[in-house]
PDB file of N, CA and C in Angstrom:
ATOM      1  N   UNK A   1     -18.401   1.385  19.934  1.00  0.00           N
ATOM      2  CA  UNK A   1     -18.303   1.268  18.488  1.00  0.00           C
ATOM      3  C   UNK A   1     -17.865  -0.163  18.160  1.00  0.00           C
ATOM      4  N   UNK A   2     -18.603  -0.785  17.245  1.00  0.00           N
ATOM      5  CA  UNK A   2     -18.304  -2.139  16.813  1.00  0.00           C
ATOM      6  C   UNK A   2     -18.249  -2.167  15.298  1.00  0.00           C
ATOM      7  N   UNK A   3     -17.243  -2.860  14.755  1.00  0.00           N
ATOM      8  CA  UNK A   3     -17.063  -2.937  13.303  1.00  0.00           C
ATOM      9  C   UNK A   3     -17.367  -4.337  12.794  1.00  0.00           C
ATOM     10  N   UNK A   4     -17.827  -4.391  11.551  1.00  0.00           N
ATOM     11  CA  UNK A   4     -18.049  -5.662  10.866  1.00  0.00           C
ATOM     12  C   UNK A   4     -17.531  -5.496   9.435  1.00  0.00           C
ATOM     13  N   UNK A   5     -16.736  -6.440   8.968  1.00  0.00           N
ATOM     14  CA  UNK A   5     -16.151  -6.337   7.622  1.00  0.00           C
ATOM     15  C   UNK A   5     -16.790  -7.349   6.684  1.00  0.00           C
ATOM     16  N   UNK A   6     -17.008  -6.903   5.441  1.00  0.00           N
ATOM     17  CA  UNK A   6     -17.554  -7.748   4.384  1.00  0.00           C
ATOM     18  C   UNK A   6     -16.642  -7.624   3.172  1.00  0.00           C
ATOM     19  N   UNK A   7     -16.174  -8.760   2.650  1.00  0.00           N
ATOM     20  CA  UNK A   7     -15.401  -8.748   1.409  1.00  0.00           C
ATOM     21  C   UNK A   7     -16.366  -9.061   0.262  1.00  0.00           C
ATOM     22  N   UNK A   8     -16.372  -8.218  -0.750  1.00  0.00           N
ATOM     23  CA  UNK A   8     -17.243  -8.409  -1.902  1.00  0.00           C
ATOM     24  C   UNK A   8     -16.634  -9.493  -2.796  1.00  0.00           C
ATOM     25  N   UNK A   9     -17.366 -10.594  -2.966  1.00  0.00           N
ATOM     26  CA  UNK A   9     -16.881 -11.725  -3.761  1.00  0.00           C
ATOM     27  C   UNK A   9     -17.667 -11.905  -5.053  1.00  0.00           C
ATOM     28  N   UNK A  10     -18.772 -11.203  -5.199  1.00  0.00           N
ATOM     29  CA  UNK A  10     -19.574 -11.276  -6.416  1.00  0.00           C
ATOM     30  C   UNK A  10     -18.792 -10.620  -7.557  1.00  0.00           C
ATOM     31  N   UNK A  11     -18.675 -11.315  -8.686  1.00  0.00           N
ATOM     32  CA  UNK A  11     -17.910 -10.796  -9.829  1.00  0.00           C
ATOM     33  C   UNK A  11     -18.421  -9.441 -10.302  1.00  0.00           C
ATOM     34  N   UNK A  12     -19.702  -9.183 -10.117  1.00  0.00           N
ATOM     35  CA  UNK A  12     -20.295  -7.913 -10.526  1.00  0.00           C
ATOM     36  C   UNK A  12     -20.162  -6.812  -9.496  1.00  0.00           C
ATOM     37  N   UNK A  13     -19.505  -7.086  -8.371  1.00  0.00           N
ATOM     38  CA  UNK A  13     -19.372  -6.100  -7.312  1.00  0.00           C
ATOM     39  C   UNK A  13     -20.621  -6.041  -6.457  1.00  0.00           C
ATOM     40  N   UNK A  14     -20.783  -4.965  -5.725  1.00  0.00           N
ATOM     41  CA  UNK A  14     -21.958  -4.776  -4.877  1.00  0.00           C
ATOM     42  C   UNK A  14     -23.120  -4.352  -5.766  1.00  0.00           C
ATOM     43  N   UNK A  15     -24.106  -5.204  -5.890  1.00  0.00           N
ATOM     44  CA  UNK A  15     -25.244  -4.950  -6.761  1.00  0.00           C
ATOM     45  C   UNK A  15     -26.306  -4.114  -6.055  1.00  0.00           C
ATOM     46  N   UNK A  16     -27.283  -3.666  -6.814  1.00  0.00           N
ATOM     47  CA  UNK A  16     -28.410  -2.932  -6.233  1.00  0.00           C
ATOM     48  C   UNK A  16     -29.143  -3.789  -5.213  1.00  0.00           C
ATOM     49  N   UNK A  17     -29.329  -5.055  -5.549  1.00  0.00           N
ATOM     50  CA  UNK A  17     -30.018  -5.984  -4.640  1.00  0.00           C
ATOM     51  C   UNK A  17     -29.224  -6.160  -3.343  1.00  0.00           C
ATOM     52  N   UNK A  18     -27.918  -6.344  -3.457  1.00  0.00           N
ATOM     53  CA  UNK A  18     -27.067  -6.494  -2.278  1.00  0.00           C
ATOM     54  C   UNK A  18     -27.090  -5.226  -1.420  1.00  0.00           C
ATOM     55  N   UNK A  19     -27.043  -4.089  -2.078  1.00  0.00           N
ATOM     56  CA  UNK A  19     -27.111  -2.810  -1.365  1.00  0.00           C
ATOM     57  C   UNK A  19     -28.411  -2.702  -0.596  1.00  0.00           C
ATOM     58  N   UNK A  20     -29.501  -3.078  -1.234  1.00  0.00           N
ATOM     59  CA  UNK A  20     -30.819  -3.023  -0.583  1.00  0.00           C
ATOM     60  C   UNK A  20     -30.886  -3.943   0.622  1.00  0.00           C
ATOM     61  N   UNK A  21     -30.271  -5.121   0.534  1.00  0.00           N
ATOM     62  CA  UNK A  21     -30.244  -6.054   1.670  1.00  0.00           C
ATOM     63  C   UNK A  21     -29.503  -5.427   2.856  1.00  0.00           C
ATOM     64  N   UNK A  22     -28.373  -4.791   2.593  1.00  0.00           N
ATOM     65  CA  UNK A  22     -27.609  -4.154   3.660  1.00  0.00           C
ATOM     66  C   UNK A  22     -28.387  -3.003   4.297  1.00  0.00           C
ATOM     67  N   UNK A  23     -29.004  -2.168   3.461  1.00  0.00           N
ATOM     68  CA  UNK A  23     -29.773  -1.031   3.964  1.00  0.00           C
ATOM     69  C   UNK A  23     -30.968  -1.513   4.780  1.00  0.00           C
ATOM     70  N   UNK A  24     -31.640  -2.553   4.298  1.00  0.00           N
ATOM     71  CA  UNK A  24     -32.790  -3.092   5.033  1.00  0.00           C
ATOM     72  C   UNK A  24     -32.363  -3.580   6.412  1.00  0.00           C
ATOM     73  N   UNK A  25     -31.243  -4.294   6.467  1.00  0.00           N
ATOM     74  CA  UNK A  25     -30.747  -4.765   7.772  1.00  0.00           C
ATOM     75  C   UNK A  25     -30.399  -3.587   8.664  1.00  0.00           C
ATOM     76  N   UNK A  26     -29.737  -2.587   8.117  1.00  0.00           N
ATOM     77  CA  UNK A  26     -29.354  -1.407   8.909  1.00  0.00           C
ATOM     78  C   UNK A  26     -30.575  -0.730   9.515  1.00  0.00           C
ATOM     79  N   UNK A  27     -31.664  -0.688   8.770  1.00  0.00           N
ATOM     80  CA  UNK A  27     -32.860   0.004   9.243  1.00  0.00           C
ATOM     81  C   UNK A  27     -33.638  -0.773  10.299  1.00  0.00           C
ATOM     82  N   UNK A  28     -33.211  -1.983  10.611  1.00  0.00           N
ATOM     83  CA  UNK A  28     -33.820  -2.744  11.702  1.00  0.00           C
ATOM     84  C   UNK A  28     -33.244  -2.357  13.062  1.00  0.00           C
ATOM     85  N   UNK A  29     -32.251  -1.482  13.075  1.00  0.00           N
ATOM     86  CA  UNK A  29     -31.534  -1.174  14.309  1.00  0.00           C
ATOM     87  C   UNK A  29     -31.549   0.319  14.601  1.00  0.00           C
ATOM     88  N   UNK A  30     -31.496   0.659  15.883  1.00  0.00           N
ATOM     89  CA  UNK A  30     -31.558   2.050  16.318  1.00  0.00           C
ATOM     90  C   UNK A  30     -30.211   2.761  16.258  1.00  0.00           C
ATOM     91  N   UNK A  31     -29.132   2.012  16.351  1.00  0.00           N
ATOM     92  CA  UNK A  31     -27.807   2.639  16.399  1.00  0.00           C
ATOM     93  C   UNK A  31     -27.454   3.298  15.060  1.00  0.00           C
ATOM     94  N   UNK A  32     -26.467   4.178  15.101  1.00  0.00           N
ATOM     95  CA  UNK A  32     -25.941   4.787  13.881  1.00  0.00           C
ATOM     96  C   UNK A  32     -25.086   3.745  13.168  1.00  0.00           C
ATOM     97  N   UNK A  33     -25.278   3.599  11.857  1.00  0.00           N
ATOM     98  CA  UNK A  33     -24.538   2.611  11.093  1.00  0.00           C
ATOM     99  C   UNK A  33     -23.937   3.298   9.867  1.00  0.00           C
ATOM    100  N   UNK A  34     -22.619   3.206   9.768  1.00  0.00           N
ATOM    101  CA  UNK A  34     -21.880   3.841   8.684  1.00  0.00           C
ATOM    102  C   UNK A  34     -21.187   2.771   7.849  1.00  0.00           C
ATOM    103  N   UNK A  35     -21.223   2.950   6.542  1.00  0.00           N
ATOM    104  CA  UNK A  35     -20.513   2.073   5.620  1.00  0.00           C
ATOM    105  C   UNK A  35     -19.245   2.786   5.187  1.00  0.00           C
ATOM    106  N   UNK A  36     -18.082   2.140   5.385  1.00  0.00           N
ATOM    107  CA  UNK A  36     -16.805   2.748   5.015  1.00  0.00           C
ATOM    108  C   UNK A  36     -16.118   1.870   3.978  1.00  0.00           C
ATOM    109  N   UNK A  37     -15.537   2.523   2.977  1.00  0.00           N
ATOM    110  CA  UNK A  37     -14.752   1.836   1.960  1.00  0.00           C
ATOM    111  C   UNK A  37     -13.270   1.974   2.276  1.00  0.00           C
ATOM    112  N   UNK A  38     -12.473   1.137   1.648  1.00  0.00           N
ATOM    113  CA  UNK A  38     -11.024   1.161   1.877  1.00  0.00           C
ATOM    114  C   UNK A  38     -10.384   2.484   1.461  1.00  0.00           C
ATOM    115  N   UNK A  39     -10.996   3.165   0.487  1.00  0.00           N
ATOM    116  CA  UNK A  39     -10.425   4.430  -0.001  1.00  0.00           C
ATOM    117  C   UNK A  39     -10.781   5.622   0.891  1.00  0.00           C
ATOM    118  N   UNK A  40     -11.523   5.365   1.982  1.00  0.00           N
ATOM    119  CA  UNK A  40     -11.875   6.426   2.915  1.00  0.00           C
ATOM    120  C   UNK A  40     -13.266   6.983   2.736  1.00  0.00           C
ATOM    121  N   UNK A  41     -13.921   6.679   1.610  1.00  0.00           N
ATOM    122  CA  UNK A  41     -15.293   7.140   1.412  1.00  0.00           C
ATOM    123  C   UNK A  41     -16.206   6.441   2.413  1.00  0.00           C
ATOM    124  N   UNK A  42     -17.239   7.150   2.845  1.00  0.00           N
ATOM    125  CA  UNK A  42     -18.186   6.569   3.789  1.00  0.00           C
ATOM    126  C   UNK A  42     -19.556   7.203   3.618  1.00  0.00           C
ATOM    127  N   UNK A  43     -20.569   6.487   4.142  1.00  0.00           N
ATOM    128  CA  UNK A  43     -21.930   7.006   4.073  1.00  0.00           C
ATOM    129  C   UNK A  43     -22.782   6.381   5.180  1.00  0.00           C
ATOM    130  N   UNK A  44     -23.945   6.969   5.392  1.00  0.00           N
ATOM    131  CA  UNK A  44     -24.946   6.425   6.302  1.00  0.00           C
ATOM    132  C   UNK A  44     -25.557   5.213   5.616  1.00  0.00           C
ATOM    133  N   UNK A  45     -25.442   4.033   6.230  1.00  0.00           N
ATOM    134  CA  UNK A  45     -25.919   2.800   5.611  1.00  0.00           C
ATOM    135  C   UNK A  45     -27.438   2.663   5.651  1.00  0.00           C
ATOM    136  N   UNK A  46     -28.113   3.580   6.306  1.00  0.00           N
ATOM    137  CA  UNK A  46     -29.573   3.509   6.364  1.00  0.00           C
ATOM    138  C   UNK A  46     -30.241   4.182   5.170  1.00  0.00           C
ATOM    139  N   UNK A  47     -29.440   4.682   4.242  1.00  0.00           N
ATOM    140  CA  UNK A  47     -29.964   5.353   3.050  1.00  0.00           C
ATOM    141  C   UNK A  47     -29.432   4.686   1.784  1.00  0.00           C
ATOM    142  N   UNK A  48     -30.332   4.114   1.001  1.00  0.00           N
ATOM    143  CA  UNK A  48     -29.930   3.442  -0.237  1.00  0.00           C
ATOM    144  C   UNK A  48     -29.286   4.428  -1.212  1.00  0.00           C
ATOM    145  N   UNK A  49     -29.762   5.645  -1.245  1.00  0.00           N
ATOM    146  CA  UNK A  49     -29.192   6.640  -2.153  1.00  0.00           C
ATOM    147  C   UNK A  49     -27.745   6.966  -1.778  1.00  0.00           C
ATOM    148  N   UNK A  50     -27.448   6.995  -0.479  1.00  0.00           N
ATOM    149  CA  UNK A  50     -26.065   7.230  -0.051  1.00  0.00           C
ATOM    150  C   UNK A  50     -25.158   6.086  -0.476  1.00  0.00           C
ATOM    151  N   UNK A  51     -25.661   4.856  -0.373  1.00  0.00           N
ATOM    152  CA  UNK A  51     -24.865   3.693  -0.780  1.00  0.00           C
ATOM    153  C   UNK A  51     -24.622   3.741  -2.287  1.00  0.00           C
ATOM    154  N   UNK A  52     -25.653   4.056  -3.056  1.00  0.00           N
ATOM    155  CA  UNK A  52     -25.494   4.154  -4.512  1.00  0.00           C
ATOM    156  C   UNK A  52     -24.484   5.231  -4.887  1.00  0.00           C
ATOM    157  N   UNK A  53     -24.389   6.287  -4.082  1.00  0.00           N
ATOM    158  CA  UNK A  53     -23.455   7.379  -4.374  1.00  0.00           C
ATOM    159  C   UNK A  53     -21.997   6.924  -4.249  1.00  0.00           C
ATOM    160  N   UNK A  54     -21.749   5.842  -3.528  1.00  0.00           N
ATOM    161  CA  UNK A  54     -20.380   5.326  -3.379  1.00  0.00           C
ATOM    162  C   UNK A  54     -19.955   4.456  -4.554  1.00  0.00           C
ATOM    163  N   UNK A  55     -20.886   4.095  -5.417  1.00  0.00           N
ATOM    164  CA  UNK A  55     -20.614   3.163  -6.522  1.00  0.00           C
ATOM    165  C   UNK A  55     -19.524   3.698  -7.427  1.00  0.00           C
ATOM    166  N   UNK A  56     -18.752   2.854  -8.064  1.00  0.00           N
ATOM    167  CA  UNK A  56     -18.868   1.398  -8.028  1.00  0.00           C
ATOM    168  C   UNK A  56     -18.090   0.796  -6.861  1.00  0.00           C
ATOM    169  N   UNK A  57     -18.637  -0.276  -6.305  1.00  0.00           N
ATOM    170  CA  UNK A  57     -17.961  -1.068  -5.286  1.00  0.00           C
ATOM    171  C   UNK A  57     -17.707  -2.417  -5.941  1.00  0.00           C
ATOM    172  N   UNK A  58     -16.457  -2.692  -6.234  1.00  0.00           N
ATOM    173  CA  UNK A  58     -16.074  -3.826  -7.067  1.00  0.00           C
ATOM    174  C   UNK A  58     -15.757  -5.082  -6.268  1.00  0.00           C
ATOM    175  N   UNK A  59     -15.705  -6.182  -7.000  1.00  0.00           N
ATOM    176  CA  UNK A  59     -15.299  -7.465  -6.431  1.00  0.00           C
ATOM    177  C   UNK A  59     -13.900  -7.312  -5.822  1.00  0.00           C
ATOM    178  N   UNK A  60     -13.741  -7.834  -4.635  1.00  0.00           N
ATOM    179  CA  UNK A  60     -12.469  -7.734  -3.937  1.00  0.00           C
ATOM    180  C   UNK A  60     -12.404  -6.600  -2.936  1.00  0.00           C
ATOM    181  N   UNK A  61     -13.282  -5.601  -3.059  1.00  0.00           N
ATOM    182  CA  UNK A  61     -13.315  -4.518  -2.084  1.00  0.00           C
ATOM    183  C   UNK A  61     -13.762  -5.048  -0.724  1.00  0.00           C
ATOM    184  N   UNK A  62     -13.231  -4.451   0.325  1.00  0.00           N
ATOM    185  CA  UNK A  62     -13.642  -4.799   1.685  1.00  0.00           C
ATOM    186  C   UNK A  62     -14.417  -3.615   2.257  1.00  0.00           C
ATOM    187  N   UNK A  63     -15.630  -3.893   2.706  1.00  0.00           N
ATOM    188  CA  UNK A  63     -16.482  -2.876   3.313  1.00  0.00           C
ATOM    189  C   UNK A  63     -16.390  -3.001   4.818  1.00  0.00           C
ATOM    190  N   UNK A  64     -16.359  -1.895   5.508  1.00  0.00           N
ATOM    191  CA  UNK A  64     -16.406  -1.908   6.966  1.00  0.00           C
ATOM    192  C   UNK A  64     -17.710  -1.250   7.387  1.00  0.00           C
ATOM    193  N   UNK A  65     -18.487  -1.986   8.158  1.00  0.00           N
ATOM    194  CA  UNK A  65     -19.739  -1.465   8.697  1.00  0.00           C
ATOM    195  C   UNK A  65     -19.461  -1.086  10.144  1.00  0.00           C
ATOM    196  N   UNK A  66     -19.651   0.180  10.467  1.00  0.00           N
ATOM    197  CA  UNK A  66     -19.375   0.700  11.800  1.00  0.00           C
ATOM    198  C   UNK A  66     -20.708   0.976  12.484  1.00  0.00           C
ATOM    199  N   UNK A  67     -20.923   0.308  13.623  1.00  0.00           N
ATOM    200  CA  UNK A  67     -22.160   0.452  14.384  1.00  0.00           C
ATOM    201  C   UNK A  67     -21.850   1.153  15.703  1.00  0.00           C
ATOM    202  N   UNK A  68     -22.606   2.208  15.992  1.00  0.00           N
ATOM    203  CA  UNK A  68     -22.411   2.969  17.227  1.00  0.00           C
ATOM    204  C   UNK A  68     -23.759   3.275  17.848  1.00  0.00           C
ATOM    205  N   UNK A  69     -23.940   2.824  19.082  1.00  0.00           N
ATOM    206  CA  UNK A  69     -25.179   3.135  19.770  1.00  0.00           C
ATOM    207  C   UNK A  69     -25.675   1.992  20.634  1.00  0.00           C
ATOM    208  N   UNK A  70     -26.916   2.131  21.049  1.00  0.00           N
ATOM    209  CA  UNK A  70     -27.480   1.241  22.058  1.00  0.00           C
ATOM    210  C   UNK A  70     -27.557  -0.218  21.646  1.00  0.00           C
ATOM    211  N   UNK A  71     -27.839  -0.512  20.394  1.00  0.00           N
ATOM    212  CA  UNK A  71     -27.993  -1.918  19.971  1.00  0.00           C
ATOM    213  C   UNK A  71     -26.936  -2.321  18.942  1.00  0.00           C
ATOM    214  N   UNK A  72     -25.722  -1.788  19.092  1.00  0.00           N
ATOM    215  CA  UNK A  72     -24.686  -2.029  18.086  1.00  0.00           C
ATOM    216  C   UNK A  72     -24.325  -3.505  17.961  1.00  0.00           C
ATOM    217  N   UNK A  73     -24.287  -4.246  19.067  1.00  0.00           N
ATOM    218  CA  UNK A  73     -23.949  -5.663  18.969  1.00  0.00           C
ATOM    219  C   UNK A  73     -25.053  -6.430  18.236  1.00  0.00           C
ATOM    220  N   UNK A  74     -26.301  -6.060  18.463  1.00  0.00           N
ATOM    221  CA  UNK A  74     -27.406  -6.669  17.730  1.00  0.00           C
ATOM    222  C   UNK A  74     -27.318  -6.395  16.239  1.00  0.00           C
ATOM    223  N   UNK A  75     -26.867  -5.195  15.893  1.00  0.00           N
ATOM    224  CA  UNK A  75     -26.697  -4.848  14.477  1.00  0.00           C
ATOM    225  C   UNK A  75     -25.596  -5.694  13.853  1.00  0.00           C
ATOM    226  N   UNK A  76     -24.477  -5.826  14.528  1.00  0.00           N
ATOM    227  CA  UNK A  76     -23.373  -6.631  14.022  1.00  0.00           C
ATOM    228  C   UNK A  76     -23.826  -8.087  13.855  1.00  0.00           C
ATOM    229  N   UNK A  77     -24.556  -8.594  14.832  1.00  0.00           N
ATOM    230  CA  UNK A  77     -25.081  -9.955  14.734  1.00  0.00           C
ATOM    231  C   UNK A  77     -26.015 -10.092  13.531  1.00  0.00           C
ATOM    232  N   UNK A  78     -26.815  -9.067  13.275  1.00  0.00           N
ATOM    233  CA  UNK A  78     -27.719  -9.073  12.120  1.00  0.00           C
ATOM    234  C   UNK A  78     -26.966  -9.097  10.803  1.00  0.00           C
ATOM    235  N   UNK A  79     -25.901  -8.306  10.704  1.00  0.00           N
ATOM    236  CA  UNK A  79     -25.091  -8.303   9.477  1.00  0.00           C
ATOM    237  C   UNK A  79     -24.368  -9.639   9.298  1.00  0.00           C
ATOM    238  N   UNK A  80     -23.916 -10.215  10.396  1.00  0.00           N
ATOM    239  CA  UNK A  80     -23.252 -11.510  10.328  1.00  0.00           C
ATOM    240  C   UNK A  80     -24.216 -12.583   9.807  1.00  0.00           C
ATOM    241  N   UNK A  81     -25.416 -12.584  10.329  1.00  0.00           N
ATOM    242  CA  UNK A  81     -26.432 -13.547   9.879  1.00  0.00           C
ATOM    243  C   UNK A  81     -26.760 -13.329   8.403  1.00  0.00           C
ATOM    244  N   UNK A  82     -26.926 -12.063   8.007  1.00  0.00           N
ATOM    245  CA  UNK A  82     -27.223 -11.741   6.609  1.00  0.00           C
ATOM    246  C   UNK A  82     -26.121 -12.248   5.690  1.00  0.00           C
ATOM    247  N   UNK A  83     -24.873 -12.038   6.075  1.00  0.00           N
ATOM    248  CA  UNK A  83     -23.745 -12.450   5.232  1.00  0.00           C
ATOM    249  C   UNK A  83     -23.636 -13.973   5.128  1.00  0.00           C
ATOM    250  N   UNK A  84     -24.073 -14.674   6.136  1.00  0.00           N
ATOM    251  CA  UNK A  84     -24.062 -16.136   6.067  1.00  0.00           C
ATOM    252  C   UNK A  84     -25.177 -16.672   5.187  1.00  0.00           C
ATOM    253  N   UNK A  85     -26.250 -15.909   5.046  1.00  0.00           N
ATOM    254  CA  UNK A  85     -27.395 -16.344   4.234  1.00  0.00           C
ATOM    255  C   UNK A  85     -27.351 -15.794   2.811  1.00  0.00           C
ATOM    256  N   UNK A  86     -26.620 -14.717   2.590  1.00  0.00           N
ATOM    257  CA  UNK A  86     -26.652 -13.985   1.338  1.00  0.00           C
ATOM    258  C   UNK A  86     -25.231 -13.796   0.822  1.00  0.00           C
ATOM    259  N   UNK A  87     -24.992 -14.029  -0.428  1.00  0.00           N
ATOM    260  CA  UNK A  87     -23.647 -13.901  -0.998  1.00  0.00           C
ATOM    261  C   UNK A  87     -23.394 -12.479  -1.496  1.00  0.00           C
ATOM    262  N   UNK A  88     -22.361 -11.861  -0.983  1.00  0.00           N
ATOM    263  CA  UNK A  88     -21.969 -10.530  -1.425  1.00  0.00           C
ATOM    264  C   UNK A  88     -20.773 -10.642  -2.325  1.00  0.00           C
TER     265      UNK A  88
END
């Protein structure tokens, strides 16, 4: 199990576009990927509808992406690259 944390810095919180970017990255990997919020809520990050169900995710919230499975390090590397290219 490998974790990756993202702090939401966008004043509008986690937008639909940002959510879609995360889900798209998650779907490039075979491992199980879960999105966890600080309040304990969590969902399967491979489903945009599950991510929308967690809304609102506000500016300042910290998201934890939990990757478990055969290519978990590749998934974490993918999220790291995405976060360096895309502002959340």
